[in-house]
């Protein structure tokens, strides 16, 4: 009974991986590399420990070679660093975070993280 349950679970996971992979493949066909990268990144976390993990990692590595993906990843990391800094809540930390957000926008203006940074800065300015 235990083996049958494990096989059922594994089949369900394999079906979910296949369905997610179809969405990734569709994004790749549409030349939406960043969308495909984000989907794969989520899949890596969801399916950690399963056989699909290696195939997901291989796809991520291939996409990560792209200049546009590199800038998106770099910008996303900068945004997270600015968020962590701002979460300290002190005036100095908030000022540093604002500077980090402005630098992000200057360095990688066409990224999703830069759009988010602009939104954060606009909210910050209206709250001052």
N, C-alpha and C. Protein backbone atom coordinates (compact mmCIF):
# COMPACT_ATOMS: atom_id res chain seq x y z
N UNK A 1 0.83 -1.20 0.00
CA UNK A 1 0.00 0.00 0.00
C UNK A 1 0.86 1.26 0.00
N UNK A 2 1.96 1.20 0.76
CA UNK A 2 2.86 2.35 0.83
C UNK A 2 3.50 2.63 -0.53
N UNK A 3 3.91 1.56 -1.20
CA UNK A 3 4.53 1.72 -2.51
C UNK A 3 3.53 2.27 -3.52
N UNK A 4 2.30 1.80 -3.47
CA UNK A 4 1.26 2.30 -4.38
C UNK A 4 1.01 3.78 -4.14
N UNK A 5 0.99 4.19 -2.87
CA UNK A 5 0.82 5.60 -2.54
C UNK A 5 1.97 6.45 -3.06
N UNK A 6 3.19 5.93 -2.91
CA UNK A 6 4.37 6.65 -3.39
C UNK A 6 4.34 6.79 -4.92
N UNK A 7 3.94 5.72 -5.59
CA UNK A 7 3.85 5.76 -7.05
C UNK A 7 2.79 6.76 -7.51
N UNK A 8 1.69 6.81 -6.80
CA UNK A 8 0.63 7.76 -7.12
C UNK A 8 1.12 9.19 -6.94
N UNK A 9 1.83 9.44 -5.83
CA UNK A 9 2.39 10.76 -5.58
C UNK A 9 3.39 11.15 -6.66
N UNK A 10 4.28 10.22 -7.00
CA UNK A 10 5.28 10.50 -8.02
C UNK A 10 4.62 10.79 -9.37
N UNK A 11 3.59 10.08 -9.71
CA UNK A 11 2.88 10.32 -10.97
C UNK A 11 2.24 11.72 -10.96
N UNK A 12 1.66 12.08 -9.81
CA UNK A 12 1.05 13.42 -9.69
C UNK A 12 2.10 14.50 -9.85
N UNK A 13 3.26 14.32 -9.26
CA UNK A 13 4.35 15.29 -9.39
C UNK A 13 4.82 15.35 -10.84
N UNK A 14 4.99 14.22 -11.46
CA UNK A 14 5.43 14.20 -12.87
C UNK A 14 4.41 14.89 -13.77
N UNK A 15 3.14 14.72 -13.51
CA UNK A 15 2.10 15.40 -14.28
C UNK A 15 2.18 16.92 -14.08
N UNK A 16 2.40 17.32 -12.84
CA UNK A 16 2.51 18.76 -12.54
C UNK A 16 3.74 19.35 -13.22
N UNK A 17 4.85 18.64 -13.19
CA UNK A 17 6.08 19.09 -13.86
C UNK A 17 5.82 19.24 -15.35
N UNK A 18 5.18 18.28 -15.95
CA UNK A 18 4.90 18.33 -17.39
C UNK A 18 4.00 19.52 -17.73
N UNK A 19 3.00 19.78 -16.90
CA UNK A 19 2.11 20.92 -17.15
C UNK A 19 2.87 22.23 -17.02
N UNK A 20 3.71 22.34 -15.99
CA UNK A 20 4.52 23.56 -15.82
C UNK A 20 5.50 23.72 -16.96
N UNK A 21 6.09 22.63 -17.42
CA UNK A 21 7.06 22.69 -18.50
C UNK A 21 6.40 23.19 -19.79
N UNK A 22 5.15 22.81 -20.02
CA UNK A 22 4.44 23.31 -21.21
C UNK A 22 4.33 24.83 -21.16
N UNK A 23 4.08 25.38 -19.99
CA UNK A 23 3.98 26.83 -19.84
C UNK A 23 5.34 27.48 -20.10
N UNK A 24 6.40 26.87 -19.59
CA UNK A 24 7.76 27.37 -19.83
C UNK A 24 8.07 27.32 -21.32
N UNK A 25 7.76 26.22 -21.95
CA UNK A 25 8.03 26.07 -23.39
C UNK A 25 7.27 27.11 -24.21
N UNK A 26 6.05 27.40 -23.80
CA UNK A 26 5.26 28.42 -24.49
C UNK A 26 5.95 29.79 -24.35
N UNK A 27 6.42 30.10 -23.17
CA UNK A 27 7.11 31.38 -22.95
C UNK A 27 8.39 31.45 -23.79
N UNK A 28 9.11 30.35 -23.87
CA UNK A 28 10.33 30.32 -24.68
C UNK A 28 10.01 30.54 -26.16
N UNK A 29 8.94 29.88 -26.64
CA UNK A 29 8.56 30.05 -28.05
C UNK A 29 8.19 31.49 -28.35
N UNK A 30 7.60 32.17 -27.37
CA UNK A 30 7.22 33.57 -27.55
C UNK A 30 8.39 34.52 -27.31
N UNK A 31 9.58 33.96 -27.08
CA UNK A 31 10.79 34.75 -26.81
C UNK A 31 10.65 35.57 -25.52
N UNK A 32 9.91 35.03 -24.56
CA UNK A 32 9.73 35.66 -23.25
C UNK A 32 10.67 34.97 -22.26
N UNK A 33 11.96 35.24 -22.44
CA UNK A 33 12.98 34.55 -21.66
C UNK A 33 12.87 34.82 -20.16
N UNK A 34 12.59 36.07 -19.80
CA UNK A 34 12.50 36.39 -18.37
C UNK A 34 11.31 35.68 -17.73
N UNK A 35 10.20 35.62 -18.41
CA UNK A 35 9.04 34.91 -17.89
C UNK A 35 9.37 33.42 -17.72
N UNK A 36 10.04 32.85 -18.71
CA UNK A 36 10.43 31.44 -18.63
C UNK A 36 11.39 31.22 -17.47
N UNK A 37 12.33 32.13 -17.29
CA UNK A 37 13.29 32.02 -16.20
C UNK A 37 12.58 32.04 -14.85
N UNK A 38 11.65 32.97 -14.66
CA UNK A 38 10.93 33.06 -13.39
C UNK A 38 10.10 31.80 -13.13
N UNK A 39 9.48 31.29 -14.17
CA UNK A 39 8.70 30.06 -14.03
C UNK A 39 9.60 28.89 -13.62
N UNK A 40 10.74 28.79 -14.28
CA UNK A 40 11.67 27.71 -13.96
C UNK A 40 12.23 27.85 -12.55
N UNK A 41 12.48 29.08 -12.14
CA UNK A 41 12.99 29.32 -10.79
C UNK A 41 11.98 28.85 -9.75
N UNK A 42 10.72 29.13 -10.00
CA UNK A 42 9.67 28.63 -9.12
C UNK A 42 9.56 27.12 -9.14
N UNK A 43 9.72 26.55 -10.32
CA UNK A 43 9.68 25.10 -10.44
C UNK A 43 10.84 24.45 -9.67
N UNK A 44 12.00 25.08 -9.71
CA UNK A 44 13.15 24.54 -9.01
C UNK A 44 12.85 24.40 -7.51
N UNK A 45 12.20 25.40 -6.98
CA UNK A 45 11.85 25.36 -5.56
C UNK A 45 10.75 24.32 -5.28
N UNK A 46 9.74 24.29 -6.14
CA UNK A 46 8.61 23.38 -5.94
C UNK A 46 9.00 21.91 -6.07
N UNK A 47 9.88 21.62 -7.02
CA UNK A 47 10.21 20.22 -7.32
C UNK A 47 11.61 19.83 -6.84
N UNK A 48 12.11 20.53 -5.85
CA UNK A 48 13.41 20.21 -5.28
C UNK A 48 13.37 18.78 -4.74
N UNK A 49 14.39 18.01 -5.10
CA UNK A 49 14.47 16.63 -4.62
C UNK A 49 13.87 15.62 -5.57
N UNK A 50 13.16 16.07 -6.59
CA UNK A 50 12.58 15.16 -7.58
C UNK A 50 13.49 15.07 -8.79
N UNK A 51 13.28 14.07 -9.62
CA UNK A 51 14.13 13.83 -10.78
C UNK A 51 14.15 15.01 -11.74
N UNK A 52 13.10 15.80 -11.79
CA UNK A 52 13.00 16.92 -12.73
C UNK A 52 13.96 18.05 -12.37
N UNK A 53 14.49 18.03 -11.17
CA UNK A 53 15.34 19.12 -10.70
C UNK A 53 16.55 19.37 -11.62
N UNK A 54 17.20 18.31 -12.09
CA UNK A 54 18.37 18.48 -12.96
C UNK A 54 18.00 19.12 -14.29
N UNK A 55 16.90 18.70 -14.88
CA UNK A 55 16.45 19.28 -16.16
C UNK A 55 16.09 20.75 -15.98
N UNK A 56 15.48 21.08 -14.86
CA UNK A 56 15.11 22.47 -14.58
C UNK A 56 16.37 23.31 -14.43
N UNK A 57 17.34 22.80 -13.67
CA UNK A 57 18.60 23.52 -13.48
C UNK A 57 19.33 23.74 -14.81
N UNK A 58 19.32 22.73 -15.67
CA UNK A 58 19.96 22.87 -16.98
C UNK A 58 19.32 24.00 -17.80
N UNK A 59 17.99 24.05 -17.78
CA UNK A 59 17.28 25.10 -18.51
C UNK A 59 17.60 26.48 -17.93
N UNK A 60 17.64 26.57 -16.61
CA UNK A 60 17.96 27.84 -15.96
C UNK A 60 19.36 28.31 -16.34
N UNK A 61 20.31 27.39 -16.35
CA UNK A 61 21.69 27.74 -16.70
C UNK A 61 21.78 28.26 -18.13
N UNK A 62 21.06 27.63 -19.04
CA UNK A 62 21.07 28.08 -20.44
C UNK A 62 20.47 29.47 -20.56
N UNK A 63 19.35 29.69 -19.90
CA UNK A 63 18.72 31.02 -19.96
C UNK A 63 19.58 32.08 -19.28
N UNK A 64 20.26 31.70 -18.21
CA UNK A 64 21.06 32.66 -17.43
C UNK A 64 22.25 33.20 -18.21
N UNK A 65 22.60 32.59 -19.31
CA UNK A 65 23.72 33.08 -20.13
C UNK A 65 23.34 34.34 -20.91
N UNK A 66 22.06 34.58 -21.06
CA UNK A 66 21.57 35.73 -21.81
C UNK A 66 21.87 37.03 -21.06
N UNK A 67 22.28 38.03 -21.79
CA UNK A 67 22.58 39.33 -21.19
C UNK A 67 21.34 39.94 -20.52
N UNK A 68 20.19 39.78 -21.15
CA UNK A 68 18.97 40.36 -20.58
C UNK A 68 18.58 39.65 -19.27
N UNK A 69 18.79 38.36 -19.21
CA UNK A 69 18.49 37.62 -17.98
C UNK A 69 19.48 38.00 -16.89
N UNK A 70 20.73 38.15 -17.25
CA UNK A 70 21.74 38.56 -16.26
C UNK A 70 21.36 39.90 -15.63
N UNK A 71 20.91 40.85 -16.45
CA UNK A 71 20.54 42.15 -15.89
C UNK A 71 19.27 42.04 -15.03
N UNK A 72 18.33 41.20 -15.44
CA UNK A 72 17.11 41.00 -14.64
C UNK A 72 17.46 40.39 -13.28
N UNK A 73 18.32 39.39 -13.28
CA UNK A 73 18.70 38.72 -12.04
C UNK A 73 19.47 39.69 -11.14
N UNK A 74 20.41 40.42 -11.72
CA UNK A 74 21.19 41.39 -10.96
C UNK A 74 20.27 42.45 -10.34
N UNK A 75 19.34 42.93 -11.12
CA UNK A 75 18.41 43.95 -10.64
C UNK A 75 17.51 43.40 -9.53
N UNK A 76 17.05 42.17 -9.70
CA UNK A 76 16.20 41.55 -8.69
C UNK A 76 16.97 41.40 -7.37
N UNK A 77 18.24 41.01 -7.47
CA UNK A 77 19.06 40.88 -6.27
C UNK A 77 19.27 42.24 -5.59
N UNK A 78 19.48 43.27 -6.39
CA UNK A 78 19.64 44.62 -5.85
C UNK A 78 18.37 45.09 -5.16
N UNK A 79 17.23 44.79 -5.76
CA UNK A 79 15.95 45.16 -5.16
C UNK A 79 15.76 44.47 -3.81
N UNK A 80 16.07 43.20 -3.75
CA UNK A 80 15.94 42.47 -2.49
C UNK A 80 16.88 43.02 -1.42
N UNK A 81 18.07 43.39 -1.83
CA UNK A 81 19.02 43.97 -0.88
C UNK A 81 18.50 45.31 -0.35
N UNK A 82 17.92 46.11 -1.23
CA UNK A 82 17.35 47.39 -0.81
C UNK A 82 16.17 47.17 0.13
N UNK A 83 15.34 46.18 -0.15
CA UNK A 83 14.21 45.86 0.73
C UNK A 83 14.68 45.48 2.13
N UNK A 84 15.70 44.60 2.16
CA UNK A 84 16.23 44.18 3.46
C UNK A 84 16.80 45.36 4.23
N UNK A 85 17.46 46.25 3.53
CA UNK A 85 18.02 47.44 4.18
C UNK A 85 16.91 48.32 4.72
N UNK A 86 15.88 48.56 3.93
CA UNK A 86 14.77 49.41 4.36
C UNK A 86 14.02 48.81 5.54
N UNK A 87 13.96 47.49 5.60
CA UNK A 87 13.23 46.82 6.68
C UNK A 87 13.82 47.09 8.06
N UNK A 88 15.06 47.57 8.11
CA UNK A 88 15.67 47.91 9.40
C UNK A 88 14.91 49.04 10.07
N UNK A 89 14.28 49.89 9.24
CA UNK A 89 13.37 50.90 9.75
C UNK A 89 13.99 52.19 10.23
N UNK A 90 15.29 52.26 10.34
CA UNK A 90 15.91 53.51 10.79
C UNK A 90 15.95 54.50 9.63
N UNK A 91 16.04 55.78 9.97
CA UNK A 91 16.11 56.81 8.93
C UNK A 91 17.30 56.58 8.01
N UNK A 92 18.44 56.25 8.60
CA UNK A 92 19.64 56.00 7.80
C UNK A 92 19.47 54.82 6.87
N UNK A 93 18.85 53.76 7.36
CA UNK A 93 18.63 52.57 6.52
C UNK A 93 17.69 52.89 5.37
N UNK A 94 16.66 53.67 5.64
CA UNK A 94 15.71 54.03 4.59
C UNK A 94 16.41 54.89 3.54
N UNK A 95 17.24 55.84 3.98
CA UNK A 95 17.98 56.68 3.02
C UNK A 95 18.92 55.83 2.17
N UNK A 96 19.59 54.86 2.79
CA UNK A 96 20.48 53.97 2.03
C UNK A 96 19.66 53.16 1.02
N UNK A 97 18.50 52.68 1.44
CA UNK A 97 17.65 51.90 0.53
C UNK A 97 17.19 52.74 -0.65
N UNK A 98 16.85 54.01 -0.40
CA UNK A 98 16.44 54.91 -1.48
C UNK A 98 17.60 55.07 -2.47
N UNK A 99 18.80 55.25 -1.95
CA UNK A 99 19.97 55.35 -2.83
C UNK A 99 20.19 54.09 -3.63
N UNK A 100 19.99 52.94 -3.00
CA UNK A 100 20.15 51.66 -3.69
C UNK A 100 19.12 51.51 -4.80
N UNK A 101 17.90 51.94 -4.53
CA UNK A 101 16.85 51.86 -5.54
C UNK A 101 17.15 52.78 -6.72
N UNK A 102 17.61 53.98 -6.43
CA UNK A 102 17.98 54.91 -7.52
C UNK A 102 19.12 54.35 -8.36
N UNK A 103 20.10 53.73 -7.71
CA UNK A 103 21.23 53.13 -8.43
C UNK A 103 20.75 51.97 -9.31
N UNK A 104 19.84 51.16 -8.78
CA UNK A 104 19.26 50.05 -9.55
C UNK A 104 18.60 50.58 -10.81
N UNK A 105 17.79 51.62 -10.66
CA UNK A 105 17.08 52.19 -11.81
C UNK A 105 18.06 52.73 -12.83
N UNK A 106 19.13 53.34 -12.37
CA UNK A 106 20.15 53.89 -13.27
C UNK A 106 20.90 52.79 -14.01
N UNK A 107 21.24 51.71 -13.30
CA UNK A 107 22.05 50.65 -13.89
C UNK A 107 21.26 49.72 -14.80
N UNK A 108 20.03 49.37 -14.38
CA UNK A 108 19.21 48.41 -15.14
C UNK A 108 17.79 48.96 -15.33
N UNK A 109 17.65 50.04 -16.09
CA UNK A 109 16.35 50.73 -16.17
C UNK A 109 15.24 49.94 -16.84
N UNK A 110 15.57 48.98 -17.66
CA UNK A 110 14.56 48.25 -18.42
C UNK A 110 14.11 46.97 -17.74
N UNK A 111 14.44 46.79 -16.47
CA UNK A 111 14.12 45.54 -15.80
C UNK A 111 12.82 45.64 -15.01
N UNK A 112 12.29 44.49 -14.69
CA UNK A 112 11.09 44.40 -13.86
C UNK A 112 11.37 44.97 -12.47
N UNK A 113 12.56 44.72 -11.94
CA UNK A 113 12.93 45.23 -10.62
C UNK A 113 13.00 46.76 -10.62
N UNK A 114 13.45 47.34 -11.73
CA UNK A 114 13.50 48.80 -11.82
C UNK A 114 12.09 49.39 -11.79
N UNK A 115 11.15 48.72 -12.43
CA UNK A 115 9.76 49.17 -12.37
C UNK A 115 9.24 49.14 -10.94
N UNK A 116 9.56 48.07 -10.23
CA UNK A 116 9.15 47.95 -8.83
C UNK A 116 9.83 49.02 -7.99
N UNK A 117 11.11 49.27 -8.26
CA UNK A 117 11.84 50.30 -7.52
C UNK A 117 11.20 51.67 -7.74
N UNK A 118 10.79 51.96 -8.97
CA UNK A 118 10.12 53.24 -9.25
C UNK A 118 8.83 53.36 -8.44
N UNK A 119 8.08 52.26 -8.35
CA UNK A 119 6.84 52.27 -7.56
C UNK A 119 7.14 52.52 -6.08
N UNK A 120 8.17 51.86 -5.56
CA UNK A 120 8.54 52.07 -4.16
C UNK A 120 8.93 53.52 -3.91
N UNK A 121 9.73 54.07 -4.82
CA UNK A 121 10.18 55.45 -4.65
C UNK A 121 9.02 56.43 -4.74
N UNK A 122 8.08 56.16 -5.63
CA UNK A 122 6.91 57.04 -5.74
C UNK A 122 6.10 57.01 -4.44
N UNK A 123 5.90 55.84 -3.87
CA UNK A 123 5.17 55.72 -2.60
C UNK A 123 5.94 56.43 -1.49
N UNK A 124 7.25 56.26 -1.49
CA UNK A 124 8.09 56.89 -0.47
C UNK A 124 7.97 58.41 -0.56
N UNK A 125 7.99 58.93 -1.76
CA UNK A 125 7.91 60.39 -1.94
C UNK A 125 6.55 60.93 -1.48
N UNK A 126 5.49 60.20 -1.72
CA UNK A 126 4.16 60.67 -1.30
C UNK A 126 3.97 60.57 0.21
N UNK A 127 4.72 59.69 0.85
CA UNK A 127 4.60 59.53 2.30
C UNK A 127 5.48 60.50 3.09
N UNK A 128 6.41 61.14 2.43
CA UNK A 128 7.33 62.06 3.14
C UNK A 128 6.68 63.36 3.46
